[in-house]
Full PDB file with SEQRES, HELIX, SHEET, SSBOND, CRYST1, ORIGX, SCALE, CONECT and MASTER records, all heavy atoms in Angstrom:
SEQRES   1 A   39  TYR ALA ARG GLN PHE VAL ARG LEU ARG GLY GLU LEU ARG          
SEQRES   2 A   39  LYS GLN GLY ALA PHE ARG ILE ALA ARG ASP LEU ARG ALA          
SEQRES   3 A   39  ARG GLY VAL PRO ASP ARG HIS ILE ASP ALA ALA LEU ALA          
HELIX    1 AA1 ALA A    2  ARG A    7  1                                   6    
HELIX    2 AA2 LEU A    8  LEU A   12  3                                   5    
HELIX    3 AA3 ALA A   17  ALA A   26  1                                  10    
HELIX    4 AA4 ASP A   31  LEU A   38  1                                   8    
CRYST1    1.000    1.000    1.000  90.00  90.00  90.00 P 1           1          
ORIGX1      1.000000  0.000000  0.000000        0.00000                         
ORIGX2      0.000000  1.000000  0.000000        0.00000                         
ORIGX3      0.000000  0.000000  1.000000        0.00000                         
SCALE1      1.000000  0.000000  0.000000        0.00000                         
SCALE2      0.000000  1.000000  0.000000        0.00000                         
SCALE3      0.000000  0.000000  1.000000        0.00000                         
ATOM      1  N   TYR A   1      64.826  25.278 -41.245  1.00  0.00           N  
ATOM      2  CA  TYR A   1      63.494  25.879 -41.310  1.00  0.00           C  
ATOM      3  C   TYR A   1      62.704  25.287 -42.480  1.00  0.00           C  
ATOM      4  O   TYR A   1      61.534  24.936 -42.333  1.00  0.00           O  
ATOM      5  CB  TYR A   1      63.619  27.396 -41.451  1.00  0.00           C  
ATOM      6  CG  TYR A   1      62.308  28.115 -41.572  1.00  0.00           C  
ATOM      7  CD1 TYR A   1      61.530  28.356 -40.451  1.00  0.00           C  
ATOM      8  CD2 TYR A   1      61.832  28.550 -42.801  1.00  0.00           C  
ATOM      9  CE1 TYR A   1      60.316  29.024 -40.552  1.00  0.00           C  
ATOM     10  CE2 TYR A   1      60.627  29.203 -42.916  1.00  0.00           C  
ATOM     11  CZ  TYR A   1      59.881  29.439 -41.787  1.00  0.00           C  
ATOM     12  OH  TYR A   1      58.675  30.090 -41.890  1.00  0.00           O  
ATOM     13  N   ALA A   2      63.343  25.165 -43.640  1.00  0.00           N  
ATOM     14  CA  ALA A   2      62.671  24.614 -44.816  1.00  0.00           C  
ATOM     15  C   ALA A   2      62.277  23.159 -44.587  1.00  0.00           C  
ATOM     16  O   ALA A   2      61.162  22.749 -44.949  1.00  0.00           O  
ATOM     17  CB  ALA A   2      63.565  24.738 -46.046  1.00  0.00           C  
ATOM     18  N   ARG A   3      63.156  22.366 -43.977  1.00  0.00           N  
ATOM     19  CA  ARG A   3      62.825  20.958 -43.710  1.00  0.00           C  
ATOM     20  C   ARG A   3      61.636  20.842 -42.756  1.00  0.00           C  
ATOM     21  O   ARG A   3      60.721  20.045 -42.977  1.00  0.00           O  
ATOM     22  CB  ARG A   3      64.033  20.218 -43.122  1.00  0.00           C  
ATOM     23  CG  ARG A   3      65.109  19.888 -44.132  1.00  0.00           C  
ATOM     24  CD  ARG A   3      66.133  18.924 -43.561  1.00  0.00           C  
ATOM     25  NE  ARG A   3      66.706  19.355 -42.294  1.00  0.00           N  
ATOM     26  CZ  ARG A   3      67.775  20.136 -42.165  1.00  0.00           C  
ATOM     27  NH1 ARG A   3      68.415  20.575 -43.236  1.00  0.00           N  
ATOM     28  NH2 ARG A   3      68.238  20.473 -40.965  1.00  0.00           N  
ATOM     29  N   GLN A   4      61.624  21.648 -41.711  1.00  0.00           N  
ATOM     30  CA  GLN A   4      60.517  21.608 -40.750  1.00  0.00           C  
ATOM     31  C   GLN A   4      59.212  22.072 -41.398  1.00  0.00           C  
ATOM     32  O   GLN A   4      58.155  21.476 -41.185  1.00  0.00           O  
ATOM     33  CB  GLN A   4      60.834  22.486 -39.535  1.00  0.00           C  
ATOM     34  CG  GLN A   4      61.915  21.929 -38.659  1.00  0.00           C  
ATOM     35  CD  GLN A   4      62.317  22.907 -37.562  1.00  0.00           C  
ATOM     36  OE1 GLN A   4      62.002  24.094 -37.607  1.00  0.00           O  
ATOM     37  NE2 GLN A   4      63.039  22.403 -36.573  1.00  0.00           N  
ATOM     38  N   PHE A   5      59.292  23.117 -42.185  1.00  0.00           N  
ATOM     39  CA  PHE A   5      58.116  23.671 -42.850  1.00  0.00           C  
ATOM     40  C   PHE A   5      57.528  22.655 -43.832  1.00  0.00           C  
ATOM     41  O   PHE A   5      56.315  22.435 -43.865  1.00  0.00           O  
ATOM     42  CB  PHE A   5      58.518  24.955 -43.586  1.00  0.00           C  
ATOM     43  CG  PHE A   5      57.370  25.752 -44.114  1.00  0.00           C  
ATOM     44  CD1 PHE A   5      56.765  26.712 -43.336  1.00  0.00           C  
ATOM     45  CD2 PHE A   5      56.889  25.551 -45.402  1.00  0.00           C  
ATOM     46  CE1 PHE A   5      55.708  27.460 -43.826  1.00  0.00           C  
ATOM     47  CE2 PHE A   5      55.841  26.288 -45.894  1.00  0.00           C  
ATOM     48  CZ  PHE A   5      55.250  27.245 -45.109  1.00  0.00           C  
ATOM     49  N   VAL A   6      58.407  22.017 -44.615  1.00  0.00           N  
ATOM     50  CA  VAL A   6      57.958  21.027 -45.595  1.00  0.00           C  
ATOM     51  C   VAL A   6      57.341  19.825 -44.882  1.00  0.00           C  
ATOM     52  O   VAL A   6      56.307  19.304 -45.309  1.00  0.00           O  
ATOM     53  CB  VAL A   6      59.119  20.605 -46.514  1.00  0.00           C  
ATOM     54  CG1 VAL A   6      58.791  19.359 -47.300  1.00  0.00           C  
ATOM     55  CG2 VAL A   6      59.481  21.742 -47.455  1.00  0.00           C  
ATOM     56  N   ARG A   7      57.944  19.385 -43.803  1.00  0.00           N  
ATOM     57  CA  ARG A   7      57.391  18.246 -43.057  1.00  0.00           C  
ATOM     58  C   ARG A   7      56.008  18.589 -42.508  1.00  0.00           C  
ATOM     59  O   ARG A   7      55.066  17.807 -42.638  1.00  0.00           O  
ATOM     60  CB  ARG A   7      58.322  17.842 -41.917  1.00  0.00           C  
ATOM     61  CG  ARG A   7      57.876  16.572 -41.190  1.00  0.00           C  
ATOM     62  CD  ARG A   7      58.794  16.220 -40.037  1.00  0.00           C  
ATOM     63  NE  ARG A   7      58.988  17.299 -39.083  1.00  0.00           N  
ATOM     64  CZ  ARG A   7      58.111  17.637 -38.135  1.00  0.00           C  
ATOM     65  NH1 ARG A   7      56.988  16.993 -38.020  1.00  0.00           N  
ATOM     66  NH2 ARG A   7      58.378  18.628 -37.304  1.00  0.00           N  
ATOM     67  N   LEU A   8      55.871  19.763 -41.918  1.00  0.00           N  
ATOM     68  CA  LEU A   8      54.590  20.181 -41.366  1.00  0.00           C  
ATOM     69  C   LEU A   8      53.532  20.286 -42.455  1.00  0.00           C  
ATOM     70  O   LEU A   8      52.440  19.722 -42.335  1.00  0.00           O  
ATOM     71  CB  LEU A   8      54.726  21.522 -40.644  1.00  0.00           C  
ATOM     72  CG  LEU A   8      53.419  22.167 -40.201  1.00  0.00           C  
ATOM     73  CD1 LEU A   8      52.864  21.427 -39.001  1.00  0.00           C  
ATOM     74  CD2 LEU A   8      53.621  23.626 -39.885  1.00  0.00           C  
ATOM     75  N   ARG A   9      53.839  20.997 -43.502  1.00  0.00           N  
ATOM     76  CA  ARG A   9      52.854  21.232 -44.551  1.00  0.00           C  
ATOM     77  C   ARG A   9      52.583  19.985 -45.384  1.00  0.00           C  
ATOM     78  O   ARG A   9      51.471  19.762 -45.830  1.00  0.00           O  
ATOM     79  CB  ARG A   9      53.309  22.354 -45.470  1.00  0.00           C  
ATOM     80  CG  ARG A   9      53.412  23.710 -44.810  1.00  0.00           C  
ATOM     81  CD  ARG A   9      52.048  24.213 -44.375  1.00  0.00           C  
ATOM     82  NE  ARG A   9      52.085  25.458 -43.680  1.00  0.00           N  
ATOM     83  CZ  ARG A   9      51.873  26.642 -44.251  1.00  0.00           C  
ATOM     84  NH1 ARG A   9      51.631  26.719 -45.533  1.00  0.00           N  
ATOM     85  NH2 ARG A   9      51.908  27.733 -43.525  1.00  0.00           N  
ATOM     86  N   GLY A  10      53.594  19.178 -45.623  1.00  0.00           N  
ATOM     87  CA  GLY A  10      53.423  17.998 -46.460  1.00  0.00           C  
ATOM     88  C   GLY A  10      52.779  16.832 -45.746  1.00  0.00           C  
ATOM     89  O   GLY A  10      51.860  16.197 -46.263  1.00  0.00           O  
ATOM     90  N   GLU A  11      53.243  16.541 -44.547  1.00  0.00           N  
ATOM     91  CA  GLU A  11      52.750  15.359 -43.840  1.00  0.00           C  
ATOM     92  C   GLU A  11      51.500  15.640 -43.016  1.00  0.00           C  
ATOM     93  O   GLU A  11      50.579  14.834 -43.000  1.00  0.00           O  
ATOM     94  CB  GLU A  11      53.841  14.802 -42.927  1.00  0.00           C  
ATOM     95  CG  GLU A  11      55.036  14.260 -43.681  1.00  0.00           C  
ATOM     96  CD  GLU A  11      56.165  13.822 -42.778  1.00  0.00           C  
ATOM     97  OE1 GLU A  11      55.988  13.850 -41.538  1.00  0.00           O  
ATOM     98  OE2 GLU A  11      57.230  13.474 -43.308  1.00  0.00           O  
ATOM     99  N   LEU A  12      51.456  16.770 -42.339  1.00  0.00           N  
ATOM    100  CA  LEU A  12      50.323  17.036 -41.459  1.00  0.00           C  
ATOM    101  C   LEU A  12      49.170  17.739 -42.175  1.00  0.00           C  
ATOM    102  O   LEU A  12      48.012  17.364 -42.015  1.00  0.00           O  
ATOM    103  CB  LEU A  12      50.762  17.847 -40.250  1.00  0.00           C  
ATOM    104  CG  LEU A  12      51.809  17.172 -39.363  1.00  0.00           C  
ATOM    105  CD1 LEU A  12      52.202  18.077 -38.225  1.00  0.00           C  
ATOM    106  CD2 LEU A  12      51.304  15.847 -38.849  1.00  0.00           C  
ATOM    107  N   ARG A  13      49.473  18.753 -42.953  1.00  0.00           N  
ATOM    108  CA  ARG A  13      48.423  19.502 -43.646  1.00  0.00           C  
ATOM    109  C   ARG A  13      48.094  18.928 -45.017  1.00  0.00           C  
ATOM    110  O   ARG A  13      47.160  19.390 -45.662  1.00  0.00           O  
ATOM    111  CB  ARG A  13      48.830  20.964 -43.804  1.00  0.00           C  
ATOM    112  CG  ARG A  13      48.852  21.716 -42.510  1.00  0.00           C  
ATOM    113  CD  ARG A  13      48.989  23.180 -42.793  1.00  0.00           C  
ATOM    114  NE  ARG A  13      49.066  23.953 -41.571  1.00  0.00           N  
ATOM    115  CZ  ARG A  13      49.176  25.263 -41.544  1.00  0.00           C  
ATOM    116  NH1 ARG A  13      49.229  25.937 -42.670  1.00  0.00           N  
ATOM    117  NH2 ARG A  13      49.247  25.898 -40.402  1.00  0.00           N  
ATOM    118  N   LYS A  14      48.879  17.995 -45.482  1.00  0.00           N  
ATOM    119  CA  LYS A  14      48.650  17.319 -46.771  1.00  0.00           C  
ATOM    120  C   LYS A  14      48.611  18.306 -47.932  1.00  0.00           C  
ATOM    121  O   LYS A  14      47.715  18.299 -48.760  1.00  0.00           O  
ATOM    122  CB  LYS A  14      47.345  16.512 -46.750  1.00  0.00           C  
ATOM    123  CG  LYS A  14      47.217  15.556 -45.596  1.00  0.00           C  
ATOM    124  CD  LYS A  14      48.148  14.397 -45.748  1.00  0.00           C  
ATOM    125  CE  LYS A  14      47.864  13.370 -44.666  1.00  0.00           C  
ATOM    126  NZ  LYS A  14      49.024  12.736 -44.163  1.00  0.00           N  
ATOM    127  N   GLN A  15      49.614  19.180 -47.996  1.00  0.00           N  
ATOM    128  CA  GLN A  15      49.725  20.123 -49.099  1.00  0.00           C  
ATOM    129  C   GLN A  15      50.741  19.616 -50.106  1.00  0.00           C  
ATOM    130  O   GLN A  15      51.614  18.832 -49.780  1.00  0.00           O  
ATOM    131  CB  GLN A  15      50.121  21.505 -48.593  1.00  0.00           C  
ATOM    132  CG  GLN A  15      49.050  22.154 -47.766  1.00  0.00           C  
ATOM    133  CD  GLN A  15      49.453  23.517 -47.254  1.00  0.00           C  
ATOM    134  OE1 GLN A  15      50.623  23.869 -47.234  1.00  0.00           O  
ATOM    135  NE2 GLN A  15      48.480  24.289 -46.813  1.00  0.00           N  
ATOM    136  N   GLY A  16      50.625  20.108 -51.331  1.00  0.00           N  
ATOM    137  CA  GLY A  16      51.493  19.683 -52.409  1.00  0.00           C  
ATOM    138  C   GLY A  16      52.741  20.536 -52.523  1.00  0.00           C  
ATOM    139  O   GLY A  16      52.884  21.592 -51.906  1.00  0.00           O  
ATOM    140  N   ALA A  17      53.655  20.079 -53.363  1.00  0.00           N  
ATOM    141  CA  ALA A  17      54.963  20.713 -53.498  1.00  0.00           C  
ATOM    142  C   ALA A  17      54.879  22.133 -54.045  1.00  0.00           C  
ATOM    143  O   ALA A  17      55.637  23.008 -53.607  1.00  0.00           O  
ATOM    144  CB  ALA A  17      55.855  19.869 -54.404  1.00  0.00           C  
ATOM    145  N   PHE A  18      53.971  22.387 -54.984  1.00  0.00           N  
ATOM    146  CA  PHE A  18      53.877  23.736 -55.554  1.00  0.00           C  
ATOM    147  C   PHE A  18      53.469  24.751 -54.490  1.00  0.00           C  
ATOM    148  O   PHE A  18      54.030  25.839 -54.401  1.00  0.00           O  
ATOM    149  CB  PHE A  18      52.872  23.776 -56.711  1.00  0.00           C  
ATOM    150  CG  PHE A  18      53.284  22.955 -57.902  1.00  0.00           C  
ATOM    151  CD1 PHE A  18      52.457  21.964 -58.387  1.00  0.00           C  
ATOM    152  CD2 PHE A  18      54.498  23.168 -58.535  1.00  0.00           C  
ATOM    153  CE1 PHE A  18      52.821  21.200 -59.475  1.00  0.00           C  
ATOM    154  CE2 PHE A  18      54.874  22.411 -59.621  1.00  0.00           C  
ATOM    155  CZ  PHE A  18      54.037  21.423 -60.100  1.00  0.00           C  
ATOM    156  N   ARG A  19      52.513  24.408 -53.669  1.00  0.00           N  
ATOM    157  CA  ARG A  19      52.037  25.310 -52.615  1.00  0.00           C  
ATOM    158  C   ARG A  19      53.111  25.523 -51.556  1.00  0.00           C  
ATOM    159  O   ARG A  19      53.350  26.646 -51.103  1.00  0.00           O  
ATOM    160  CB  ARG A  19      50.775  24.701 -51.988  1.00  0.00           C  
ATOM    161  CG  ARG A  19      50.290  25.351 -50.724  1.00  0.00           C  
ATOM    162  CD  ARG A  19      49.396  26.544 -51.016  1.00  0.00           C  
ATOM    163  NE  ARG A  19      48.952  27.185 -49.805  1.00  0.00           N  
ATOM    164  CZ  ARG A  19      47.767  26.994 -49.248  1.00  0.00           C  
ATOM    165  NH1 ARG A  19      46.909  26.157 -49.791  1.00  0.00           N  
ATOM    166  NH2 ARG A  19      47.439  27.641 -48.164  1.00  0.00           N  
ATOM    167  N   ILE A  20      53.772  24.449 -51.163  1.00  0.00           N  
ATOM    168  CA  ILE A  20      54.815  24.556 -50.137  1.00  0.00           C  
ATOM    169  C   ILE A  20      55.959  25.430 -50.630  1.00  0.00           C  
ATOM    170  O   ILE A  20      56.448  26.302 -49.913  1.00  0.00           O  
ATOM    171  CB  ILE A  20      55.314  23.162 -49.736  1.00  0.00           C  
ATOM    172  CG1 ILE A  20      54.196  22.365 -49.042  1.00  0.00           C  
ATOM    173  CG2 ILE A  20      56.533  23.263 -48.830  1.00  0.00           C  
ATOM    174  CD1 ILE A  20      54.516  20.903 -48.845  1.00  0.00           C  
ATOM    175  N   ALA A  21      56.380  25.216 -51.874  1.00  0.00           N  
ATOM    176  CA  ALA A  21      57.480  26.009 -52.437  1.00  0.00           C  
ATOM    177  C   ALA A  21      57.097  27.484 -52.525  1.00  0.00           C  
ATOM    178  O   ALA A  21      57.904  28.364 -52.199  1.00  0.00           O  
ATOM    179  CB  ALA A  21      57.866  25.472 -53.809  1.00  0.00           C  
ATOM    180  N   ARG A  22      55.868  27.767 -52.937  1.00  0.00           N  
ATOM    181  CA  ARG A  22      55.413  29.157 -53.031  1.00  0.00           C  
ATOM    182  C   ARG A  22      55.421  29.820 -51.657  1.00  0.00           C  
ATOM    183  O   ARG A  22      55.872  30.959 -51.499  1.00  0.00           O  
ATOM    184  CB  ARG A  22      54.008  29.193 -53.638  1.00  0.00           C  
ATOM    185  CG  ARG A  22      53.504  30.614 -53.842  1.00  0.00           C  
ATOM    186  CD  ARG A  22      52.078  30.652 -54.287  1.00  0.00           C  
ATOM    187  NE  ARG A  22      51.249  30.208 -53.180  1.00  0.00           N  
ATOM    188  CZ  ARG A  22      50.082  29.609 -53.318  1.00  0.00           C  
ATOM    189  NH1 ARG A  22      49.625  29.331 -54.502  1.00  0.00           N  
ATOM    190  NH2 ARG A  22      49.369  29.279 -52.263  1.00  0.00           N  
ATOM    191  N   ASP A  23      54.941  29.109 -50.643  1.00  0.00           N  
ATOM    192  CA  ASP A  23      54.906  29.683 -49.293  1.00  0.00           C  
ATOM    193  C   ASP A  23      56.314  29.907 -48.735  1.00  0.00           C  
ATOM    194  O   ASP A  23      56.562  30.909 -48.055  1.00  0.00           O  
ATOM    195  CB  ASP A  23      54.109  28.779 -48.355  1.00  0.00           C  
ATOM    196  CG  ASP A  23      52.618  28.768 -48.673  1.00  0.00           C  
ATOM    197  OD1 ASP A  23      52.165  29.637 -49.449  1.00  0.00           O  
ATOM    198  OD2 ASP A  23      51.912  27.895 -48.141  1.00  0.00           O  
ATOM    199  N   LEU A  24      57.226  28.990 -49.009  1.00  0.00           N  
ATOM    200  CA  LEU A  24      58.602  29.171 -48.532  1.00  0.00           C  
ATOM    201  C   LEU A  24      59.292  30.329 -49.248  1.00  0.00           C  
ATOM    202  O   LEU A  24      60.052  31.080 -48.628  1.00  0.00           O  
ATOM    203  CB  LEU A  24      59.410  27.885 -48.717  1.00  0.00           C  
ATOM    204  CG  LEU A  24      59.204  26.824 -47.644  1.00  0.00           C  
ATOM    205  CD1 LEU A  24      59.876  25.519 -48.049  1.00  0.00           C  
ATOM    206  CD2 LEU A  24      59.723  27.290 -46.309  1.00  0.00           C  
ATOM    207  N   ARG A  25      59.046  30.474 -50.540  1.00  0.00           N  
ATOM    208  CA  ARG A  25      59.632  31.616 -51.264  1.00  0.00           C  
ATOM    209  C   ARG A  25      59.112  32.936 -50.701  1.00  0.00           C  
ATOM    210  O   ARG A  25      59.854  33.916 -50.605  1.00  0.00           O  
ATOM    211  CB  ARG A  25      59.323  31.509 -52.755  1.00  0.00           C  
ATOM    212  CG  ARG A  25      60.191  30.524 -53.461  1.00  0.00           C  
ATOM    213  CD  ARG A  25      60.004  30.552 -54.974  1.00  0.00           C  
ATOM    214  NE  ARG A  25      60.685  29.415 -55.530  1.00  0.00           N  
ATOM    215  CZ  ARG A  25      60.095  28.266 -55.864  1.00  0.00           C  
ATOM    216  NH1 ARG A  25      58.783  28.128 -55.725  1.00  0.00           N  
ATOM    217  NH2 ARG A  25      60.787  27.270 -56.354  1.00  0.00           N  
ATOM    218  N   ALA A  26      57.835  32.955 -50.331  1.00  0.00           N  
ATOM    219  CA  ALA A  26      57.263  34.167 -49.740  1.00  0.00           C  
ATOM    220  C   ALA A  26      57.898  34.479 -48.393  1.00  0.00           C  
ATOM    221  O   ALA A  26      57.929  35.638 -47.973  1.00  0.00           O  
ATOM    222  CB  ALA A  26      55.753  34.004 -49.574  1.00  0.00           C  
ATOM    223  N   ARG A  27      58.432  33.487 -47.717  1.00  0.00           N  
ATOM    224  CA  ARG A  27      59.102  33.685 -46.437  1.00  0.00           C  
ATOM    225  C   ARG A  27      60.594  33.962 -46.601  1.00  0.00           C  
ATOM    226  O   ARG A  27      61.316  34.045 -45.623  1.00  0.00           O  
ATOM    227  CB  ARG A  27      58.887  32.463 -45.549  1.00  0.00           C  
ATOM    228  CG  ARG A  27      57.492  32.375 -45.003  1.00  0.00           C  
ATOM    229  CD  ARG A  27      57.261  31.037 -44.352  1.00  0.00           C  
ATOM    230  NE  ARG A  27      56.143  31.010 -43.429  1.00  0.00           N  
ATOM    231  CZ  ARG A  27      54.868  31.029 -43.763  1.00  0.00           C  
ATOM    232  NH1 ARG A  27      54.538  31.100 -45.028  1.00  0.00           N  
ATOM    233  NH2 ARG A  27      53.923  30.990 -42.854  1.00  0.00           N  
ATOM    234  N   GLY A  28      61.057  34.064 -47.840  1.00  0.00           N  
ATOM    235  CA  GLY A  28      62.439  34.450 -48.105  1.00  0.00           C  
ATOM    236  C   GLY A  28      63.452  33.326 -48.010  1.00  0.00           C  
ATOM    237  O   GLY A  28      64.649  33.587 -47.876  1.00  0.00           O  
ATOM    238  N   VAL A  29      63.026  32.080 -48.099  1.00  0.00           N  
ATOM    239  CA  VAL A  29      63.946  30.949 -48.029  1.00  0.00           C  
ATOM    240  C   VAL A  29      64.559  30.734 -49.419  1.00  0.00           C  
ATOM    241  O   VAL A  29      63.833  30.726 -50.417  1.00  0.00           O  
ATOM    242  CB  VAL A  29      63.214  29.670 -47.557  1.00  0.00           C  
ATOM    243  CG1 VAL A  29      64.146  28.480 -47.545  1.00  0.00           C  
ATOM    244  CG2 VAL A  29      62.618  29.899 -46.182  1.00  0.00           C  
ATOM    245  N   PRO A  30      65.874  30.571 -49.519  1.00  0.00           N  
ATOM    246  CA  PRO A  30      66.508  30.354 -50.824  1.00  0.00           C  
ATOM    247  C   PRO A  30      66.044  29.063 -51.499  1.00  0.00           C  
ATOM    248  O   PRO A  30      65.711  28.079 -50.831  1.00  0.00           O  
ATOM    249  CB  PRO A  30      68.004  30.269 -50.486  1.00  0.00           C  
ATOM    250  CG  PRO A  30      68.146  30.915 -49.162  1.00  0.00           C  
ATOM    251  CD  PRO A  30      66.861  30.694 -48.446  1.00  0.00           C  
ATOM    252  N   ASP A  31      66.030  29.076 -52.813  1.00  0.00           N  
ATOM    253  CA  ASP A  31      65.541  27.936 -53.594  1.00  0.00           C  
ATOM    254  C   ASP A  31      66.328  26.661 -53.341  1.00  0.00           C  
ATOM    255  O   ASP A  31      65.764  25.573 -53.393  1.00  0.00           O  
ATOM    256  CB  ASP A  31      65.566  28.260 -55.089  1.00  0.00           C  
ATOM    257  CG  ASP A  31      64.423  29.178 -55.499  1.00  0.00           C  
ATOM    258  OD1 ASP A  31      63.424  29.249 -54.754  1.00  0.00           O  
ATOM    259  OD2 ASP A  31      64.531  29.821 -56.568  1.00  0.00           O  
ATOM    260  N   ARG A  32      67.610  26.763 -53.072  1.00  0.00           N  
ATOM    261  CA  ARG A  32      68.397  25.542 -52.854  1.00  0.00           C  
ATOM    262  C   ARG A  32      67.917  24.782 -51.620  1.00  0.00           C  
ATOM    263  O   ARG A  32      67.879  23.553 -51.610  1.00  0.00           O  
ATOM    264  CB  ARG A  32      69.888  25.857 -52.768  1.00  0.00           C  
ATOM    265  CG  ARG A  32      70.308  26.663 -51.567  1.00  0.00           C  
ATOM    266  CD  ARG A  32      71.816  26.960 -51.558  1.00  0.00           C  
ATOM    267  NE  ARG A  32      72.198  27.651 -50.363  1.00  0.00           N  
ATOM    268  CZ  ARG A  32      72.126  28.958 -50.188  1.00  0.00           C  
ATOM    269  NH1 ARG A  32      71.680  29.736 -51.161  1.00  0.00           N  
ATOM    270  NH2 ARG A  32      72.503  29.505 -49.049  1.00  0.00           N  
ATOM    271  N   HIS A  33      67.503  25.507 -50.582  1.00  0.00           N  
ATOM    272  CA  HIS A  33      66.978  24.862 -49.378  1.00  0.00           C  
ATOM    273  C   HIS A  33      65.577  24.297 -49.630  1.00  0.00           C  
ATOM    274  O   HIS A  33      65.234  23.229 -49.119  1.00  0.00           O  
ATOM    275  CB  HIS A  33      66.938  25.829 -48.203  1.00  0.00           C  
ATOM    276  CG  HIS A  33      68.275  26.367 -47.812  1.00  0.00           C  
ATOM    277  ND1 HIS A  33      69.383  25.567 -47.601  1.00  0.00           N  
ATOM    278  CD2 HIS A  33      68.696  27.641 -47.593  1.00  0.00           C  
ATOM    279  CE1 HIS A  33      70.415  26.311 -47.270  1.00  0.00           C  
ATOM    280  NE2 HIS A  33      70.019  27.580 -47.257  1.00  0.00           N  
ATOM    281  N   ILE A  34      64.794  25.008 -50.410  1.00  0.00           N  
ATOM    282  CA  ILE A  34      63.442  24.543 -50.743  1.00  0.00           C  
ATOM    283  C   ILE A  34      63.519  23.249 -51.534  1.00  0.00           C  
ATOM    284  O   ILE A  34      62.820  22.273 -51.231  1.00  0.00           O  
ATOM    285  CB  ILE A  34      62.676  25.625 -51.532  1.00  0.00           C  
ATOM    286  CG1 ILE A  34      62.456  26.867 -50.670  1.00  0.00           C  
ATOM    287  CG2 ILE A  34      61.352  25.077 -52.049  1.00  0.00           C  
ATOM    288  CD1 ILE A  34      61.913  28.062 -51.423  1.00  0.00           C  
ATOM    289  N   ASP A  35      64.381  23.229 -52.552  1.00  0.00           N  
ATOM    290  CA  ASP A  35      64.506  22.037 -53.396  1.00  0.00           C  
ATOM    291  C   ASP A  35      64.984  20.831 -52.601  1.00  0.00           C  
ATOM    292  O   ASP A  35      64.480  19.719 -52.777  1.00  0.00           O  
ATOM    293  CB  ASP A  35      65.457  22.314 -54.565  1.00  0.00           C  
ATOM    294  CG  ASP A  35      64.908  23.368 -55.520  1.00  0.00           C  
ATOM    295  OD1 ASP A  35      63.679  23.582 -55.533  1.00  0.00           O  
ATOM    296  OD2 ASP A  35      65.713  23.983 -56.254  1.00  0.00           O  
ATOM    297  N   ALA A  36      65.944  21.038 -51.713  1.00  0.00           N  
ATOM    298  CA  ALA A  36      66.455  19.926 -50.906  1.00  0.00           C  
ATOM    299  C   ALA A  36      65.378  19.384 -49.968  1.00  0.00           C  
ATOM    300  O   ALA A  36      65.222  18.171 -49.825  1.00  0.00           O  
ATOM    301  CB  ALA A  36      67.675  20.373 -50.108  1.00  0.00           C  
ATOM    302  N   ALA A  37      64.622  20.266 -49.342  1.00  0.00           N  
ATOM    303  CA  ALA A  37      63.582  19.828 -48.412  1.00  0.00           C  
ATOM    304  C   ALA A  37      62.449  19.116 -49.149  1.00  0.00           C  
ATOM    305  O   ALA A  37      61.926  18.105 -48.673  1.00  0.00           O  
ATOM    306  CB  ALA A  37      63.039  21.030 -47.640  1.00  0.00           C  
ATOM    307  N   LEU A  38      62.082  19.624 -50.338  1.00  0.00           N  
ATOM    308  CA  LEU A  38      61.024  18.972 -51.111  1.00  0.00           C  
ATOM    309  C   LEU A  38      61.478  17.614 -51.643  1.00  0.00           C  
ATOM    310  O   LEU A  38      60.665  16.692 -51.767  1.00  0.00           O  
ATOM    311  CB  LEU A  38      60.571  19.874 -52.255  1.00  0.00           C  
ATOM    312  CG  LEU A  38      59.729  21.079 -51.846  1.00  0.00           C  
ATOM    313  CD1 LEU A  38      59.473  21.989 -53.031  1.00  0.00           C  
ATOM    314  CD2 LEU A  38      58.428  20.645 -51.200  1.00  0.00           C  
ATOM    315  N   ALA A  39      62.773  17.484 -51.936  1.00  0.00           N  
ATOM    316  CA  ALA A  39      63.289  16.184 -52.377  1.00  0.00           C  
ATOM    317  C   ALA A  39      63.189  15.160 -51.246  1.00  0.00           C  
ATOM    318  O   ALA A  39      62.866  13.990 -51.492  1.00  0.00           O  
ATOM    319  CB  ALA A  39      64.735  16.325 -52.848  1.00  0.00           C  
TER     320      ALA A  39                                                      
MASTER        0    0    0    4    0    0    0    6  319    1    0    3          
END                                                                             
């Protein structure tokens, strides 16, 4: 879920890492998955 979300928001919507991480945390995704997807 985190990988798909990061790909959608980063590549298609052209959002930055801070915004993507904040939105994923609000959806209850653990930080380890967020960090891996953002990397």
